Amino acid sequence: MPEFEKYDGAKNPRDHILSFQNKMAPFSTDDKFLMYSFMFSLTGSTGLGSDFYGYDQASLIFKTGL
């Protein structure tokens, strides 16, 4: 699995999503793996909870702060 800089809320979340997507492109068809990996790319209170259905929805929530 690629290594990521952990997102801690200090930088632009869109930059983190773009970096994550680029590094995870070879795994883009495995939504469960993307979701699992994405949760480990966050640190501190930047977690998303568990009320979403997949990576696309999680990344949208993360980017928009909903």
PDB file of N, CA and C in Angstrom:
ATOM      1  N   MET A   1       0.846  -1.173   0.000  1.00  0.00           N
ATOM      2  CA  MET A   1       0.000   0.000   0.000  1.00  0.00           C
ATOM      3  C   MET A   1       0.893   1.238   0.000  1.00  0.00           C
ATOM      4  N   PRO A   2       0.521   2.258  -0.778  1.00  0.00           N
ATOM      5  CA  PRO A   2       1.300   3.496  -0.794  1.00  0.00           C
ATOM      6  C   PRO A   2       1.293   4.183   0.572  1.00  0.00           C
ATOM      7  N   GLU A   3       2.323   4.963   0.821  1.00  0.00           N
ATOM      8  CA  GLU A   3       2.376   5.734   2.061  1.00  0.00           C
ATOM      9  C   GLU A   3       1.784   7.112   1.801  1.00  0.00           C
ATOM     10  N   PHE A   4       1.113   7.659   2.819  1.00  0.00           N
ATOM     11  CA  PHE A   4       0.476   8.959   2.710  1.00  0.00           C
ATOM     12  C   PHE A   4       0.981   9.870   3.804  1.00  0.00           C
ATOM     13  N   GLU A   5       0.914  11.162   3.518  1.00  0.00           N
ATOM     14  CA  GLU A   5       1.060  12.142   4.591  1.00  0.00           C
ATOM     15  C   GLU A   5      -0.311  12.182   5.264  1.00  0.00           C
ATOM     16  N   LYS A   6      -0.351  12.002   6.547  1.00  0.00           N
ATOM     17  CA  LYS A   6      -1.627  11.975   7.270  1.00  0.00           C
ATOM     18  C   LYS A   6      -2.233  13.377   7.298  1.00  0.00           C
ATOM     19  N   TYR A   7      -3.521  13.443   7.066  1.00  0.00           N
ATOM     20  CA  TYR A   7      -4.237  14.716   7.092  1.00  0.00           C
ATOM     21  C   TYR A   7      -4.670  15.008   8.523  1.00  0.00           C
ATOM     22  N   ASP A   8      -4.312  16.196   9.018  1.00  0.00           N
ATOM     23  CA  ASP A   8      -4.635  16.562  10.398  1.00  0.00           C
ATOM     24  C   ASP A   8      -5.550  17.779  10.493  1.00  0.00           C
ATOM     25  N   GLY A   9      -6.051  18.245   9.364  1.00  0.00           N
ATOM     26  CA  GLY A   9      -6.956  19.384   9.365  1.00  0.00           C
ATOM     27  C   GLY A   9      -6.271  20.715   9.130  1.00  0.00           C
ATOM     28  N   ALA A  10      -4.939  20.737   9.082  1.00  0.00           N
ATOM     29  CA  ALA A  10      -4.205  21.999   8.950  1.00  0.00           C
ATOM     30  C   ALA A  10      -4.116  22.489   7.499  1.00  0.00           C
ATOM     31  N   LYS A  11      -4.252  21.599   6.537  1.00  0.00           N
ATOM     32  CA  LYS A  11      -4.116  21.980   5.129  1.00  0.00           C
ATOM     33  C   LYS A  11      -5.452  21.825   4.417  1.00  0.00           C
ATOM     34  N   ASN A  12      -5.460  22.130   3.143  1.00  0.00           N
ATOM     35  CA  ASN A  12      -6.663  22.044   2.327  1.00  0.00           C
ATOM     36  C   ASN A  12      -7.075  20.579   2.150  1.00  0.00           C
ATOM     37  N   PRO A  13      -8.305  20.214   2.516  1.00  0.00           N
ATOM     38  CA  PRO A  13      -8.738  18.823   2.371  1.00  0.00           C
ATOM     39  C   PRO A  13      -8.791  18.362   0.918  1.00  0.00           C
ATOM     40  N   ARG A  14      -9.047  19.279  -0.002  1.00  0.00           N
ATOM     41  CA  ARG A  14      -9.069  18.894  -1.421  1.00  0.00           C
ATOM     42  C   ARG A  14      -7.694  18.415  -1.876  1.00  0.00           C
ATOM     43  N   ASP A  15      -6.635  19.048  -1.393  1.00  0.00           N
ATOM     44  CA  ASP A  15      -5.280  18.617  -1.740  1.00  0.00           C
ATOM     45  C   ASP A  15      -5.021  17.198  -1.227  1.00  0.00           C
ATOM     46  N   HIS A  16      -5.500  16.919  -0.024  1.00  0.00           N
ATOM     47  CA  HIS A  16      -5.323  15.577   0.537  1.00  0.00           C
ATOM     48  C   HIS A  16      -6.076  14.539  -0.297  1.00  0.00           C
ATOM     49  N   ILE A  17      -7.307  14.853  -0.678  1.00  0.00           N
ATOM     50  CA  ILE A  17      -8.109  13.930  -1.495  1.00  0.00           C
ATOM     51  C   ILE A  17      -7.415  13.669  -2.833  1.00  0.00           C
ATOM     52  N   LEU A  18      -6.946  14.724  -3.489  1.00  0.00           N
ATOM     53  CA  LEU A  18      -6.278  14.555  -4.793  1.00  0.00           C
ATOM     54  C   LEU A  18      -5.022  13.695  -4.670  1.00  0.00           C
ATOM     55  N   SER A  19      -4.235  13.939  -3.652  1.00  0.00           N
ATOM     56  CA  SER A  19      -3.029  13.150  -3.426  1.00  0.00           C
ATOM     57  C   SER A  19      -3.393  11.684  -3.159  1.00  0.00           C
ATOM     58  N   PHE A  20      -4.400  11.473  -2.322  1.00  0.00           N
ATOM     59  CA  PHE A  20      -4.848  10.116  -2.011  1.00  0.00           C
ATOM     60  C   PHE A  20      -5.330   9.417  -3.280  1.00  0.00           C
ATOM     61  N   GLN A  21      -6.155  10.086  -4.071  1.00  0.00           N
ATOM     62  CA  GLN A  21      -6.683   9.475  -5.293  1.00  0.00           C
ATOM     63  C   GLN A  21      -5.571   9.114  -6.272  1.00  0.00           C
ATOM     64  N   ASN A  22      -4.587   9.980  -6.419  1.00  0.00           N
ATOM     65  CA  ASN A  22      -3.473   9.692  -7.325  1.00  0.00           C
ATOM     66  C   ASN A  22      -2.684   8.472  -6.873  1.00  0.00           C
ATOM     67  N   LYS A  23      -2.419   8.392  -5.581  1.00  0.00           N
ATOM     68  CA  LYS A  23      -1.643   7.270  -5.061  1.00  0.00           C
ATOM     69  C   LYS A  23      -2.429   5.965  -5.077  1.00  0.00           C
ATOM     70  N   MET A  24      -3.738   6.055  -4.973  1.00  0.00           N
ATOM     71  CA  MET A  24      -4.577   4.863  -4.898  1.00  0.00           C
ATOM     72  C   MET A  24      -5.205   4.489  -6.237  1.00  0.00           C
ATOM     73  N   ALA A  25      -4.833   5.150  -7.311  1.00  0.00           N
ATOM     74  CA  ALA A  25      -5.418   4.885  -8.626  1.00  0.00           C
ATOM     75  C   ALA A  25      -5.404   3.395  -9.013  1.00  0.00           C
ATOM     76  N   PRO A  26      -4.330   2.644  -8.713  1.00  0.00           N
ATOM     77  CA  PRO A  26      -4.347   1.226  -9.083  1.00  0.00           C
ATOM     78  C   PRO A  26      -5.428   0.414  -8.357  1.00  0.00           C
ATOM     79  N   PHE A  27      -5.958   0.949  -7.279  1.00  0.00           N
ATOM     80  CA  PHE A  27      -6.962   0.233  -6.479  1.00  0.00           C
ATOM     81  C   PHE A  27      -8.355   0.848  -6.627  1.00  0.00           C
ATOM     82  N   SER A  28      -8.547   1.686  -7.635  1.00  0.00           N
ATOM     83  CA  SER A  28      -9.757   2.509  -7.740  1.00  0.00           C
ATOM     84  C   SER A  28     -11.051   1.715  -7.905  1.00  0.00           C
ATOM     85  N   THR A  29     -10.977   0.447  -8.233  1.00  0.00           N
ATOM     86  CA  THR A  29     -12.198  -0.348  -8.399  1.00  0.00           C
ATOM     87  C   THR A  29     -12.604  -1.064  -7.116  1.00  0.00           C
ATOM     88  N   ASP A  30     -11.801  -0.954  -6.085  1.00  0.00           N
ATOM     89  CA  ASP A  30     -12.086  -1.652  -4.830  1.00  0.00           C
ATOM     90  C   ASP A  30     -12.520  -0.641  -3.768  1.00  0.00           C
ATOM     91  N   ASP A  31     -13.818  -0.341  -3.738  1.00  0.00           N
ATOM     92  CA  ASP A  31     -14.349   0.698  -2.858  1.00  0.00           C
ATOM     93  C   ASP A  31     -14.078   0.404  -1.380  1.00  0.00           C
ATOM     94  N   LYS A  32     -14.207  -0.847  -0.978  1.00  0.00           N
ATOM     95  CA  LYS A  32     -13.973  -1.194   0.424  1.00  0.00           C
ATOM     96  C   LYS A  32     -12.521  -0.933   0.815  1.00  0.00           C
ATOM     97  N   PHE A  33     -11.589  -1.280  -0.055  1.00  0.00           N
ATOM     98  CA  PHE A  33     -10.175  -1.049   0.226  1.00  0.00           C
ATOM     99  C   PHE A  33      -9.873   0.449   0.269  1.00  0.00           C
ATOM    100  N   LEU A  34     -10.462   1.221  -0.659  1.00  0.00           N
ATOM    101  CA  LEU A  34     -10.262   2.669  -0.655  1.00  0.00           C
ATOM    102  C   LEU A  34     -10.776   3.281   0.637  1.00  0.00           C
ATOM    103  N   MET A  35     -11.952   2.862   1.063  1.00  0.00           N
ATOM    104  CA  MET A  35     -12.526   3.401   2.293  1.00  0.00           C
ATOM    105  C   MET A  35     -11.657   3.051   3.492  1.00  0.00           C
ATOM    106  N   TYR A  36     -11.239   1.811   3.568  1.00  0.00           N
ATOM    107  CA  TYR A  36     -10.373   1.357   4.659  1.00  0.00           C
ATOM    108  C   TYR A  36      -9.071   2.166   4.671  1.00  0.00           C
ATOM    109  N   SER A  37      -8.462   2.320   3.510  1.00  0.00           N
ATOM    110  CA  SER A  37      -7.195   3.044   3.403  1.00  0.00           C
ATOM    111  C   SER A  37      -7.365   4.524   3.719  1.00  0.00           C
ATOM    112  N   PHE A  38      -8.474   5.113   3.251  1.00  0.00           N
ATOM    113  CA  PHE A  38      -8.698   6.532   3.469  1.00  0.00           C
ATOM    114  C   PHE A  38      -8.792   6.852   4.961  1.00  0.00           C
ATOM    115  N   MET A  39      -9.462   6.007   5.710  1.00  0.00           N
ATOM    116  CA  MET A  39      -9.600   6.257   7.145  1.00  0.00           C
ATOM    117  C   MET A  39      -8.229   6.316   7.820  1.00  0.00           C
ATOM    118  N   PHE A  40      -7.267   5.540   7.311  1.00  0.00           N
ATOM    119  CA  PHE A  40      -5.926   5.542   7.890  1.00  0.00           C
ATOM    120  C   PHE A  40      -5.067   6.695   7.384  1.00  0.00           C
ATOM    121  N   SER A  41      -5.583   7.470   6.425  1.00  0.00           N
ATOM    122  CA  SER A  41      -4.834   8.635   5.948  1.00  0.00           C
ATOM    123  C   SER A  41      -5.197   9.885   6.758  1.00  0.00           C
ATOM    124  N   LEU A  42      -6.094   9.725   7.732  1.00  0.00           N
ATOM    125  CA  LEU A  42      -6.531  10.836   8.582  1.00  0.00           C
ATOM    126  C   LEU A  42      -5.966  10.660   9.977  1.00  0.00           C
ATOM    127  N   THR A  43      -5.803  11.774  10.671  1.00  0.00           N
ATOM    128  CA  THR A  43      -5.314  11.713  12.046  1.00  0.00           C
ATOM    129  C   THR A  43      -6.055  12.742  12.897  1.00  0.00           C
ATOM    130  N   GLY A  44      -6.040  12.554  14.183  1.00  0.00           N
ATOM    131  CA  GLY A  44      -6.697  13.505  15.082  1.00  0.00           C
ATOM    132  C   GLY A  44      -8.202  13.486  14.942  1.00  0.00           C
ATOM    133  N   SER A  45      -8.817  14.637  15.016  1.00  0.00           N
ATOM    134  CA  SER A  45     -10.276  14.745  14.966  1.00  0.00           C
ATOM    135  C   SER A  45     -10.792  14.952  13.552  1.00  0.00           C
ATOM    136  N   THR A  46     -10.064  14.491  12.549  1.00  0.00           N
ATOM    137  CA  THR A  46     -10.484  14.654  11.160  1.00  0.00           C
ATOM    138  C   THR A  46     -11.302  13.471  10.679  1.00  0.00           C
ATOM    139  N   GLY A  47     -11.612  12.528  11.549  1.00  0.00           N
ATOM    140  CA  GLY A  47     -12.383  11.348  11.166  1.00  0.00           C
ATOM    141  C   GLY A  47     -13.764  11.714  10.660  1.00  0.00           C
ATOM    142  N   LEU A  48     -14.356  10.801   9.915  1.00  0.00           N
ATOM    143  CA  LEU A  48     -15.637  11.063   9.278  1.00  0.00           C
ATOM    144  C   LEU A  48     -16.814  10.376   9.955  1.00  0.00           C
ATOM    145  N   GLY A  49     -16.580   9.519  10.915  1.00  0.00           N
ATOM    146  CA  GLY A  49     -17.670   8.731  11.457  1.00  0.00           C
ATOM    147  C   GLY A  49     -17.949   7.546  10.550  1.00  0.00           C
ATOM    148  N   SER A  50     -19.138   6.986  10.622  1.00  0.00           N
ATOM    149  CA  SER A  50     -19.413   5.785   9.822  1.00  0.00           C
ATOM    150  C   SER A  50     -20.743   5.867   9.087  1.00  0.00           C
ATOM    151  N   ASP A  51     -21.332   7.050   8.938  1.00  0.00           N
ATOM    152  CA  ASP A  51     -22.635   7.172   8.304  1.00  0.00           C
ATOM    153  C   ASP A  51     -22.543   7.511   6.822  1.00  0.00           C
ATOM    154  N   PHE A  52     -21.790   6.713   6.071  1.00  0.00           N
ATOM    155  CA  PHE A  52     -21.713   6.887   4.639  1.00  0.00           C
ATOM    156  C   PHE A  52     -21.541   5.513   4.011  1.00  0.00           C
ATOM    157  N   TYR A  53     -21.641   5.455   2.684  1.00  0.00           N
ATOM    158  CA  TYR A  53     -21.736   4.159   2.014  1.00  0.00           C
ATOM    159  C   TYR A  53     -20.513   3.761   1.206  1.00  0.00           C
ATOM    160  N   GLY A  54     -19.569   4.627   1.008  1.00  0.00           N
ATOM    161  CA  GLY A  54     -18.404   4.269   0.222  1.00  0.00           C
ATOM    162  C   GLY A  54     -17.437   5.427   0.082  1.00  0.00           C
ATOM    163  N   TYR A  55     -16.361   5.164  -0.625  1.00  0.00           N
ATOM    164  CA  TYR A  55     -15.292   6.150  -0.747  1.00  0.00           C
ATOM    165  C   TYR A  55     -15.757   7.441  -1.410  1.00  0.00           C
ATOM    166  N   ASP A  56     -16.545   7.353  -2.481  1.00  0.00           N
ATOM    167  CA  ASP A  56     -16.982   8.567  -3.174  1.00  0.00           C
ATOM    168  C   ASP A  56     -17.750   9.493  -2.240  1.00  0.00           C
ATOM    169  N   GLN A  57     -18.666   8.925  -1.475  1.00  0.00           N
ATOM    170  CA  GLN A  57     -19.440   9.746  -0.546  1.00  0.00           C
ATOM    171  C   GLN A  57     -18.559  10.281   0.574  1.00  0.00           C
ATOM    172  N   ALA A  58     -17.647   9.463   1.090  1.00  0.00           N
ATOM    173  CA  ALA A  58     -16.753   9.910   2.164  1.00  0.00           C
ATOM    174  C   ALA A  58     -15.867  11.051   1.693  1.00  0.00           C
ATOM    175  N   SER A  59     -15.325  10.947   0.480  1.00  0.00           N
ATOM    176  CA  SER A  59     -14.451  12.020  -0.006  1.00  0.00           C
ATOM    177  C   SER A  59     -15.242  13.305  -0.217  1.00  0.00           C
ATOM    178  N   LEU A  60     -16.491  13.197  -0.652  1.00  0.00           N
ATOM    179  CA  LEU A  60     -17.329  14.385  -0.810  1.00  0.00           C
ATOM    180  C   LEU A  60     -17.599  15.029   0.543  1.00  0.00           C
ATOM    181  N   ILE A  61     -17.941  14.236   1.531  1.00  0.00           N
ATOM    182  CA  ILE A  61     -18.185  14.757   2.881  1.00  0.00           C
ATOM    183  C   ILE A  61     -16.927  15.424   3.416  1.00  0.00           C
ATOM    184  N   PHE A  62     -15.799  14.768   3.230  1.00  0.00           N
ATOM    185  CA  PHE A  62     -14.525  15.286   3.712  1.00  0.00           C
ATOM    186  C   PHE A  62     -14.198  16.624   3.059  1.00  0.00           C
ATOM    187  N   LYS A  63     -14.380  16.724   1.735  1.00  0.00           N
ATOM    188  CA  LYS A  63     -14.048  17.949   1.008  1.00  0.00           C
ATOM    189  C   LYS A  63     -14.979  19.105   1.360  1.00  0.00           C
ATOM    190  N   THR A  64     -16.252  18.814   1.558  1.00  0.00           N
ATOM    191  CA  THR A  64     -17.217  19.887   1.767  1.00  0.00           C
ATOM    192  C   THR A  64     -17.468  20.192   3.234  1.00  0.00           C
ATOM    193  N   GLY A  65     -17.011  19.313   4.104  1.00  0.00           N
ATOM    194  CA  GLY A  65     -17.190  19.533   5.528  1.00  0.00           C
ATOM    195  C   GLY A  65     -18.608  19.315   6.004  1.00  0.00           C
ATOM    196  N   LEU A  66     -19.397  18.534   5.247  1.00  0.00           N
ATOM    197  CA  LEU A  66     -20.794  18.278   5.643  1.00  0.00           C
ATOM    198  C   LEU A  66     -20.880  17.283   6.759  1.00  0.00           C
TER     199      LEU A  66
END
